[in-house]
PDB file of N, CA and C in Angstrom:
ATOM      1  N   MET A   1     137.058  82.765  81.526  1.00  0.00           N
ATOM      2  CA  MET A   1     135.650  82.555  81.307  1.00  0.00           C
ATOM      3  C   MET A   1     135.000  82.236  82.652  1.00  0.00           C
ATOM      4  N   CYS A   2     133.834  82.772  82.866  1.00  0.00           N
ATOM      5  CA  CYS A   2     133.104  82.455  84.089  1.00  0.00           C
ATOM      6  C   CYS A   2     131.726  81.924  83.699  1.00  0.00           C
ATOM      7  N   THR A   3     131.116  81.249  84.629  1.00  0.00           N
ATOM      8  CA  THR A   3     129.812  80.666  84.367  1.00  0.00           C
ATOM      9  C   THR A   3     128.990  80.662  85.647  1.00  0.00           C
ATOM     10  N   LEU A   4     127.707  80.701  85.484  1.00  0.00           N
ATOM     11  CA  LEU A   4     126.814  80.616  86.629  1.00  0.00           C
ATOM     12  C   LEU A   4     126.347  79.186  86.865  1.00  0.00           C
ATOM     13  N   ASP A   5     126.757  78.284  86.001  1.00  0.00           N
ATOM     14  CA  ASP A   5     126.379  76.884  86.123  1.00  0.00           C
ATOM     15  C   ASP A   5     127.056  76.260  87.340  1.00  0.00           C
ATOM     16  N   PRO A   6     126.321  75.547  88.181  1.00  0.00           N
ATOM     17  CA  PRO A   6     126.925  74.956  89.377  1.00  0.00           C
ATOM     18  C   PRO A   6     127.980  73.894  89.061  1.00  0.00           C
ATOM     19  N   MET A   7     127.927  73.308  87.871  1.00  0.00           N
ATOM     20  CA  MET A   7     128.929  72.313  87.489  1.00  0.00           C
ATOM     21  C   MET A   7     130.227  72.962  87.021  1.00  0.00           C
ATOM     22  N   GLY A   8     130.191  74.260  86.762  1.00  0.00           N
ATOM     23  CA  GLY A   8     131.409  75.000  86.430  1.00  0.00           C
ATOM     24  C   GLY A   8     131.806  74.999  84.971  1.00  0.00           C
ATOM     25  N   TYR A   9     130.901  74.732  84.070  1.00  0.00           N
ATOM     26  CA  TYR A   9     131.227  74.798  82.657  1.00  0.00           C
ATOM     27  C   TYR A   9     130.076  75.431  81.892  1.00  0.00           C
ATOM     28  N   THR A  10     130.380  75.897  80.693  1.00  0.00           N
ATOM     29  CA  THR A  10     129.343  76.438  79.821  1.00  0.00           C
ATOM     30  C   THR A  10     129.007  75.391  78.763  1.00  0.00           C
ATOM     31  N   ALA A  11     127.857  75.514  78.172  1.00  0.00           N
ATOM     32  CA  ALA A  11     127.421  74.543  77.163  1.00  0.00           C
ATOM     33  C   ALA A  11     128.370  74.517  75.969  1.00  0.00           C
ATOM     34  N   GLY A  12     128.948  75.663  75.615  1.00  0.00           N
ATOM     35  CA  GLY A  12     129.881  75.728  74.494  1.00  0.00           C
ATOM     36  C   GLY A  12     131.128  74.905  74.702  1.00  0.00           C
ATOM     37  N   GLN A  13     131.519  74.725  75.952  1.00  0.00           N
ATOM     38  CA  GLN A  13     132.721  73.950  76.239  1.00  0.00           C
ATOM     39  C   GLN A  13     132.535  72.475  75.915  1.00  0.00           C
ATOM     40  N   LEU A  14     131.319  71.989  75.966  1.00  0.00           N
ATOM     41  CA  LEU A  14     131.079  70.579  75.696  1.00  0.00           C
ATOM     42  C   LEU A  14     131.473  70.189  74.281  1.00  0.00           C
ATOM     43  N   SER A  15     131.337  71.100  73.336  1.00  0.00           N
ATOM     44  CA  SER A  15     131.724  70.785  71.970  1.00  0.00           C
ATOM     45  C   SER A  15     133.177  71.145  71.679  1.00  0.00           C
ATOM     46  N   VAL A  16     133.817  71.920  72.526  1.00  0.00           N
ATOM     47  CA  VAL A  16     135.198  72.358  72.301  1.00  0.00           C
ATOM     48  C   VAL A  16     136.209  71.391  72.908  1.00  0.00           C
ATOM     49  N   ILE A  17     135.891  70.800  74.035  1.00  0.00           N
ATOM     50  CA  ILE A  17     136.844  69.973  74.767  1.00  0.00           C
ATOM     51  C   ILE A  17     137.410  68.829  73.916  1.00  0.00           C
ATOM     52  N   PRO A  18     136.610  68.094  73.148  1.00  0.00           N
ATOM     53  CA  PRO A  18     137.214  67.030  72.332  1.00  0.00           C
ATOM     54  C   PRO A  18     138.260  67.558  71.349  1.00  0.00           C
ATOM     55  N   PHE A  19     138.059  68.768  70.833  1.00  0.00           N
ATOM     56  CA  PHE A  19     139.003  69.332  69.884  1.00  0.00           C
ATOM     57  C   PHE A  19     140.252  69.871  70.588  1.00  0.00           C
ATOM     58  N   LEU A  20     140.119  70.288  71.836  1.00  0.00           N
ATOM     59  CA  LEU A  20     141.299  70.619  72.635  1.00  0.00           C
ATOM     60  C   LEU A  20     142.151  69.374  72.856  1.00  0.00           C
ATOM     61  N   VAL A  21     141.493  68.265  73.151  1.00  0.00           N
ATOM     62  CA  VAL A  21     142.200  66.999  73.339  1.00  0.00           C
ATOM     63  C   VAL A  21     142.856  66.576  72.023  1.00  0.00           C
ATOM     64  N   LEU A  22     142.167  66.758  70.906  1.00  0.00           N
ATOM     65  CA  LEU A  22     142.734  66.433  69.592  1.00  0.00           C
ATOM     66  C   LEU A  22     143.979  67.264  69.324  1.00  0.00           C
ATOM     67  N   ASN A  23     143.900  68.552  69.603  1.00  0.00           N
ATOM     68  CA  ASN A  23     145.053  69.427  69.407  1.00  0.00           C
ATOM     69  C   ASN A  23     146.236  68.953  70.244  1.00  0.00           C
ATOM     70  N   ARG A  24     145.982  68.584  71.491  1.00  0.00           N
ATOM     71  CA  ARG A  24     147.053  68.099  72.367  1.00  0.00           C
ATOM     72  C   ARG A  24     147.634  66.781  71.856  1.00  0.00           C
ATOM     73  N   ALA A  25     146.778  65.897  71.353  1.00  0.00           N
ATOM     74  CA  ALA A  25     147.253  64.623  70.816  1.00  0.00           C
ATOM     75  C   ALA A  25     148.135  64.847  69.584  1.00  0.00           C
ATOM     76  N   ILE A  26     147.758  65.796  68.734  1.00  0.00           N
ATOM     77  CA  ILE A  26     148.569  66.135  67.563  1.00  0.00           C
ATOM     78  C   ILE A  26     149.934  66.656  68.002  1.00  0.00           C
ATOM     79  N   GLU A  27     149.940  67.556  68.991  1.00  0.00           N
ATOM     80  CA  GLU A  27     151.201  68.093  69.509  1.00  0.00           C
ATOM     81  C   GLU A  27     152.072  66.989  70.105  1.00  0.00           C
ATOM     82  N   ASP A  28     151.459  66.065  70.843  1.00  0.00           N
ATOM     83  CA  ASP A  28     152.215  64.976  71.463  1.00  0.00           C
ATOM     84  C   ASP A  28     152.872  64.079  70.418  1.00  0.00           C
ATOM     85  N   VAL A  29     152.140  63.758  69.357  1.00  0.00           N
ATOM     86  CA  VAL A  29     152.704  62.910  68.301  1.00  0.00           C
ATOM     87  C   VAL A  29     153.817  63.653  67.558  1.00  0.00           C
ATOM     88  N   ALA A  30     153.638  64.943  67.331  1.00  0.00           N
ATOM     89  CA  ALA A  30     154.676  65.722  66.655  1.00  0.00           C
ATOM     90  C   ALA A  30     155.949  65.792  67.502  1.00  0.00           C
ATOM     91  N   GLU A  31     155.772  65.878  68.808  1.00  0.00           N
ATOM     92  CA  GLU A  31     156.902  65.986  69.728  1.00  0.00           C
ATOM     93  C   GLU A  31     157.630  64.649  69.894  1.00  0.00           C
ATOM     94  N   ASN A  32     156.869  63.568  70.046  1.00  0.00           N
ATOM     95  CA  ASN A  32     157.441  62.252  70.298  1.00  0.00           C
ATOM     96  C   ASN A  32     156.502  61.191  69.717  1.00  0.00           C
ATOM     97  N   PRO A  33     156.735  60.787  68.457  1.00  0.00           N
ATOM     98  CA  PRO A  33     155.795  59.902  67.770  1.00  0.00           C
ATOM     99  C   PRO A  33     155.908  58.427  68.165  1.00  0.00           C
ATOM    100  N   THR A  34     155.506  58.102  69.382  1.00  0.00           N
ATOM    101  CA  THR A  34     155.502  56.705  69.811  1.00  0.00           C
ATOM    102  C   THR A  34     154.218  56.032  69.330  1.00  0.00           C
ATOM    103  N   GLU A  35     154.218  54.708  69.344  1.00  0.00           N
ATOM    104  CA  GLU A  35     153.036  53.965  68.905  1.00  0.00           C
ATOM    105  C   GLU A  35     151.818  54.269  69.775  1.00  0.00           C
ATOM    106  N   SER A  36     152.032  54.381  71.079  1.00  0.00           N
ATOM    107  CA  SER A  36     150.890  54.653  71.967  1.00  0.00           C
ATOM    108  C   SER A  36     150.308  56.039  71.705  1.00  0.00           C
ATOM    109  N   ARG A  37     151.164  57.013  71.447  1.00  0.00           N
ATOM    110  CA  ARG A  37     150.653  58.363  71.156  1.00  0.00           C
ATOM    111  C   ARG A  37     149.927  58.389  69.821  1.00  0.00           C
ATOM    112  N   LYS A  38     150.431  57.648  68.854  1.00  0.00           N
ATOM    113  CA  LYS A  38     149.755  57.581  67.556  1.00  0.00           C
ATOM    114  C   LYS A  38     148.386  56.929  67.693  1.00  0.00           C
ATOM    115  N   LYS A  39     148.298  55.904  68.534  1.00  0.00           N
ATOM    116  CA  LYS A  39     147.006  55.230  68.749  1.00  0.00           C
ATOM    117  C   LYS A  39     146.018  56.170  69.439  1.00  0.00           C
ATOM    118  N   VAL A  40     146.504  56.915  70.444  1.00  0.00           N
ATOM    119  CA  VAL A  40     145.647  57.892  71.119  1.00  0.00           C
ATOM    120  C   VAL A  40     145.159  58.931  70.120  1.00  0.00           C
ATOM    121  N   LEU A  41     146.051  59.425  69.272  1.00  0.00           N
ATOM    122  CA  LEU A  41     145.669  60.406  68.254  1.00  0.00           C
ATOM    123  C   LEU A  41     144.591  59.842  67.335  1.00  0.00           C
ATOM    124  N   ALA A  42     144.768  58.610  66.892  1.00  0.00           N
ATOM    125  CA  ALA A  42     143.786  57.995  65.994  1.00  0.00           C
ATOM    126  C   ALA A  42     142.426  57.877  66.675  1.00  0.00           C
ATOM    127  N   LEU A  43     142.408  57.493  67.940  1.00  0.00           N
ATOM    128  CA  LEU A  43     141.138  57.336  68.657  1.00  0.00           C
ATOM    129  C   LEU A  43     140.453  58.682  68.907  1.00  0.00           C
ATOM    130  N   VAL A  44     141.237  59.691  69.265  1.00  0.00           N
ATOM    131  CA  VAL A  44     140.662  61.018  69.504  1.00  0.00           C
ATOM    132  C   VAL A  44     140.154  61.605  68.187  1.00  0.00           C
ATOM    133  N   LEU A  45     140.910  61.417  67.115  1.00  0.00           N
ATOM    134  CA  LEU A  45     140.476  61.896  65.808  1.00  0.00           C
ATOM    135  C   LEU A  45     139.172  61.217  65.388  1.00  0.00           C
ATOM    136  N   GLU A  46     139.086  59.924  65.604  1.00  0.00           N
ATOM    137  CA  GLU A  46     137.854  59.191  65.289  1.00  0.00           C
ATOM    138  C   GLU A  46     136.670  59.743  66.090  1.00  0.00           C
ATOM    139  N   THR A  47     136.907  60.050  67.357  1.00  0.00           N
ATOM    140  CA  THR A  47     135.850  60.614  68.201  1.00  0.00           C
ATOM    141  C   THR A  47     135.380  61.964  67.655  1.00  0.00           C
ATOM    142  N   CYS A  48     136.331  62.818  67.297  1.00  0.00           N
ATOM    143  CA  CYS A  48     135.972  64.146  66.783  1.00  0.00           C
ATOM    144  C   CYS A  48     135.229  64.045  65.454  1.00  0.00           C
ATOM    145  N   VAL A  49     135.674  63.151  64.586  1.00  0.00           N
ATOM    146  CA  VAL A  49     134.989  62.948  63.307  1.00  0.00           C
ATOM    147  C   VAL A  49     133.551  62.489  63.543  1.00  0.00           C
ATOM    148  N   ASN A  50     133.375  61.556  64.467  1.00  0.00           N
ATOM    149  CA  ASN A  50     132.020  61.075  64.771  1.00  0.00           C
ATOM    150  C   ASN A  50     131.148  62.165  65.374  1.00  0.00           C
ATOM    151  N   LEU A  51     131.731  63.010  66.224  1.00  0.00           N
ATOM    152  CA  LEU A  51     130.961  64.122  66.791  1.00  0.00           C
ATOM    153  C   LEU A  51     130.427  65.026  65.696  1.00  0.00           C
ATOM    154  N   VAL A  52     131.278  65.360  64.737  1.00  0.00           N
ATOM    155  CA  VAL A  52     130.868  66.260  63.657  1.00  0.00           C
ATOM    156  C   VAL A  52     129.871  65.568  62.733  1.00  0.00           C
ATOM    157  N   ASP A  53     130.126  64.300  62.417  1.00  0.00           N
ATOM    158  CA  ASP A  53     129.222  63.566  61.517  1.00  0.00           C
ATOM    159  C   ASP A  53     127.823  63.411  62.095  1.00  0.00           C
ATOM    160  N   GLN A  54     127.716  63.244  63.394  1.00  0.00           N
ATOM    161  CA  GLN A  54     126.427  62.950  64.015  1.00  0.00           C
ATOM    162  C   GLN A  54     125.701  64.185  64.542  1.00  0.00           C
ATOM    163  N   ASN A  55     126.329  65.345  64.459  1.00  0.00           N
ATOM    164  CA  ASN A  55     125.714  66.551  65.003  1.00  0.00           C
ATOM    165  C   ASN A  55     125.716  67.649  63.943  1.00  0.00           C
ATOM    166  N   GLU A  56     124.605  67.805  63.269  1.00  0.00           N
ATOM    167  CA  GLU A  56     124.505  68.798  62.200  1.00  0.00           C
ATOM    168  C   GLU A  56     124.717  70.227  62.714  1.00  0.00           C
ATOM    169  N   ASN A  57     124.241  70.519  63.929  1.00  0.00           N
ATOM    170  CA  ASN A  57     124.434  71.862  64.486  1.00  0.00           C
ATOM    171  C   ASN A  57     125.908  72.161  64.702  1.00  0.00           C
ATOM    172  N   LEU A  58     126.652  71.190  65.223  1.00  0.00           N
ATOM    173  CA  LEU A  58     128.088  71.372  65.425  1.00  0.00           C
ATOM    174  C   LEU A  58     128.797  71.558  64.092  1.00  0.00           C
ATOM    175  N   LYS A  59     128.414  70.753  63.105  1.00  0.00           N
ATOM    176  CA  LYS A  59     129.010  70.876  61.771  1.00  0.00           C
ATOM    177  C   LYS A  59     128.774  72.270  61.203  1.00  0.00           C
ATOM    178  N   LYS A  60     127.548  72.764  61.352  1.00  0.00           N
ATOM    179  CA  LYS A  60     127.219  74.109  60.866  1.00  0.00           C
ATOM    180  C   LYS A  60     128.010  75.178  61.619  1.00  0.00           C
ATOM    181  N   GLN A  61     128.151  75.030  62.932  1.00  0.00           N
ATOM    182  CA  GLN A  61     128.929  75.988  63.726  1.00  0.00           C
ATOM    183  C   GLN A  61     130.378  76.034  63.265  1.00  0.00           C
ATOM    184  N   ILE A  62     130.964  74.883  63.002  1.00  0.00           N
ATOM    185  CA  ILE A  62     132.357  74.828  62.565  1.00  0.00           C
ATOM    186  C   ILE A  62     132.518  75.481  61.199  1.00  0.00           C
ATOM    187  N   ILE A  63     131.636  75.136  60.270  1.00  0.00           N
ATOM    188  CA  ILE A  63     131.707  75.712  58.926  1.00  0.00           C
ATOM    189  C   ILE A  63     131.522  77.222  58.983  1.00  0.00           C
ATOM    190  N   ASP A  64     130.548  77.681  59.760  1.00  0.00           N
ATOM    191  CA  ASP A  64     130.310  79.131  59.897  1.00  0.00           C
ATOM    192  C   ASP A  64     131.515  79.833  60.508  1.00  0.00           C
ATOM    193  N   ALA A  65     132.116  79.232  61.544  1.00  0.00           N
ATOM    194  CA  ALA A  65     133.273  79.846  62.202  1.00  0.00           C
ATOM    195  C   ALA A  65     134.451  79.962  61.242  1.00  0.00           C
ATOM    196  N   VAL A  66     134.685  78.932  60.448  1.00  0.00           N
ATOM    197  CA  VAL A  66     135.793  78.967  59.479  1.00  0.00           C
ATOM    198  C   VAL A  66     135.509  80.002  58.398  1.00  0.00           C
ATOM    199  N   ASN A  67     134.286  80.048  57.898  1.00  0.00           N
ATOM    200  CA  ASN A  67     133.939  81.026  56.862  1.00  0.00           C
ATOM    201  C   ASN A  67     134.077  82.452  57.365  1.00  0.00           C
ATOM    202  N   ILE A  68     133.595  82.725  58.568  1.00  0.00           N
ATOM    203  CA  ILE A  68     133.712  84.071  59.142  1.00  0.00           C
ATOM    204  C   ILE A  68     135.172  84.414  59.379  1.00  0.00           C
ATOM    205  N   PHE A  69     135.945  83.462  59.874  1.00  0.00           N
ATOM    206  CA  PHE A  69     137.377  83.676  60.108  1.00  0.00           C
ATOM    207  C   PHE A  69     138.085  84.046  58.805  1.00  0.00           C
ATOM    208  N   ASN A  70     137.729  83.359  57.720  1.00  0.00           N
ATOM    209  CA  ASN A  70     138.395  83.585  56.433  1.00  0.00           C
ATOM    210  C   ASN A  70     137.952  84.855  55.734  1.00  0.00           C
ATOM    211  N   THR A  71     136.740  85.298  55.958  1.00  0.00           N
ATOM    212  CA  THR A  71     136.211  86.422  55.180  1.00  0.00           C
ATOM    213  C   THR A  71     136.269  87.770  55.881  1.00  0.00           C
ATOM    214  N   SER A  72     136.392  87.781  57.196  1.00  0.00           N
ATOM    215  CA  SER A  72     136.284  89.058  57.895  1.00  0.00           C
ATOM    216  C   SER A  72     137.304  89.173  59.028  1.00  0.00           C
ATOM    217  N   PRO A  73     138.033  90.282  59.087  1.00  0.00           N
ATOM    218  CA  PRO A  73     138.935  90.484  60.227  1.00  0.00           C
ATOM    219  C   PRO A  73     138.183  90.510  61.563  1.00  0.00           C
ATOM    220  N   ALA A  74     136.937  90.930  61.541  1.00  0.00           N
ATOM    221  CA  ALA A  74     136.138  90.942  62.773  1.00  0.00           C
ATOM    222  C   ALA A  74     135.858  89.523  63.269  1.00  0.00           C
ATOM    223  N   GLY A  75     135.936  88.544  62.379  1.00  0.00           N
ATOM    224  CA  GLY A  75     135.724  87.155  62.756  1.00  0.00           C
ATOM    225  C   GLY A  75     136.964  86.481  63.310  1.00  0.00           C
ATOM    226  N   ARG A  76     138.041  87.262  63.464  1.00  0.00           N
ATOM    227  CA  ARG A  76     139.303  86.704  63.963  1.00  0.00           C
ATOM    228  C   ARG A  76     139.650  87.188  65.364  1.00  0.00           C
ATOM    229  N   THR A  77     138.710  87.816  66.026  1.00  0.00           N
ATOM    230  CA  THR A  77     138.979  88.325  67.371  1.00  0.00           C
ATOM    231  C   THR A  77     138.796  87.218  68.406  1.00  0.00           C
ATOM    232  N   ALA A  78     139.371  87.422  69.573  1.00  0.00           N
ATOM    233  CA  ALA A  78     139.374  86.398  70.624  1.00  0.00           C
ATOM    234  C   ALA A  78     137.965  86.057  71.117  1.00  0.00           C
ATOM    235  N   ASP A  79     137.038  86.990  71.040  1.00  0.00           N
ATOM    236  CA  ASP A  79     135.678  86.674  71.497  1.00  0.00           C
ATOM    237  C   ASP A  79     134.930  85.801  70.490  1.00  0.00           C
ATOM    238  N   ILE A  80     135.350  85.809  69.238  1.00  0.00           N
ATOM    239  CA  ILE A  80     134.737  84.970  68.212  1.00  0.00           C
ATOM    240  C   ILE A  80     135.465  83.629  68.116  1.00  0.00           C
ATOM    241  N   VAL A  81     136.786  83.675  68.081  1.00  0.00           N
ATOM    242  CA  VAL A  81     137.611  82.460  67.993  1.00  0.00           C
ATOM    243  C   VAL A  81     138.587  82.469  69.171  1.00  0.00           C
ATOM    244  N   PRO A  82     138.216  81.839  70.279  1.00  0.00           N
ATOM    245  CA  PRO A  82     139.072  81.849  71.464  1.00  0.00           C
ATOM    246  C   PRO A  82     140.414  81.146  71.241  1.00  0.00           C
ATOM    247  N   SER A  83     140.443  80.153  70.353  1.00  0.00           N
ATOM    248  CA  SER A  83     141.681  79.408  70.109  1.00  0.00           C
ATOM    249  C   SER A  83     141.769  79.028  68.644  1.00  0.00           C
ATOM    250  N   ILE A  84     142.766  79.561  67.967  1.00  0.00           N
ATOM    251  CA  ILE A  84     142.980  79.208  66.561  1.00  0.00           C
ATOM    252  C   ILE A  84     143.362  77.738  66.452  1.00  0.00           C
ATOM    253  N   HIS A  85     144.096  77.229  67.417  1.00  0.00           N
ATOM    254  CA  HIS A  85     144.498  75.824  67.399  1.00  0.00           C
ATOM    255  C   HIS A  85     143.282  74.903  67.404  1.00  0.00           C
ATOM    256  N   VAL A  86     142.276  75.240  68.158  1.00  0.00           N
ATOM    257  CA  VAL A  86     141.065  74.415  68.209  1.00  0.00           C
ATOM    258  C   VAL A  86     140.303  74.544  66.895  1.00  0.00           C
ATOM    259  N   LEU A  87     140.239  75.746  66.340  1.00  0.00           N
ATOM    260  CA  LEU A  87     139.551  75.945  65.058  1.00  0.00           C
ATOM    261  C   LEU A  87     140.222  75.131  63.967  1.00  0.00           C
ATOM    262  N   VAL A  88     141.549  75.100  63.950  1.00  0.00           N
ATOM    263  CA  VAL A  88     142.283  74.357  62.933  1.00  0.00           C
ATOM    264  C   VAL A  88     142.164  72.856  63.147  1.00  0.00           C
ATOM    265  N   ALA A  89     142.139  72.431  64.414  1.00  0.00           N
ATOM    266  CA  ALA A  89     142.039  70.992  64.695  1.00  0.00           C
ATOM    267  C   ALA A  89     140.714  70.478  64.195  1.00  0.00           C
TER     268      ALA A  89
END
């Protein structure tokens, strides 16, 4: 992905990054379920839940992405869903 933004990110990444972190936290707990990893997972999950609860546009985007993914093969391409792991998280 490339961007013309001088900060080096696109606006879409701002809503995706917490879910990438959530996915990684889930993988870490599955790999080695220590108390500290479980606590990190709980905190990241709480953050993601709050993001969705407080942002109606994000909630709508997630619901639309899941519905399109489930109903149409065209909604399963990499340009529509860059990461299935993030969509599932």
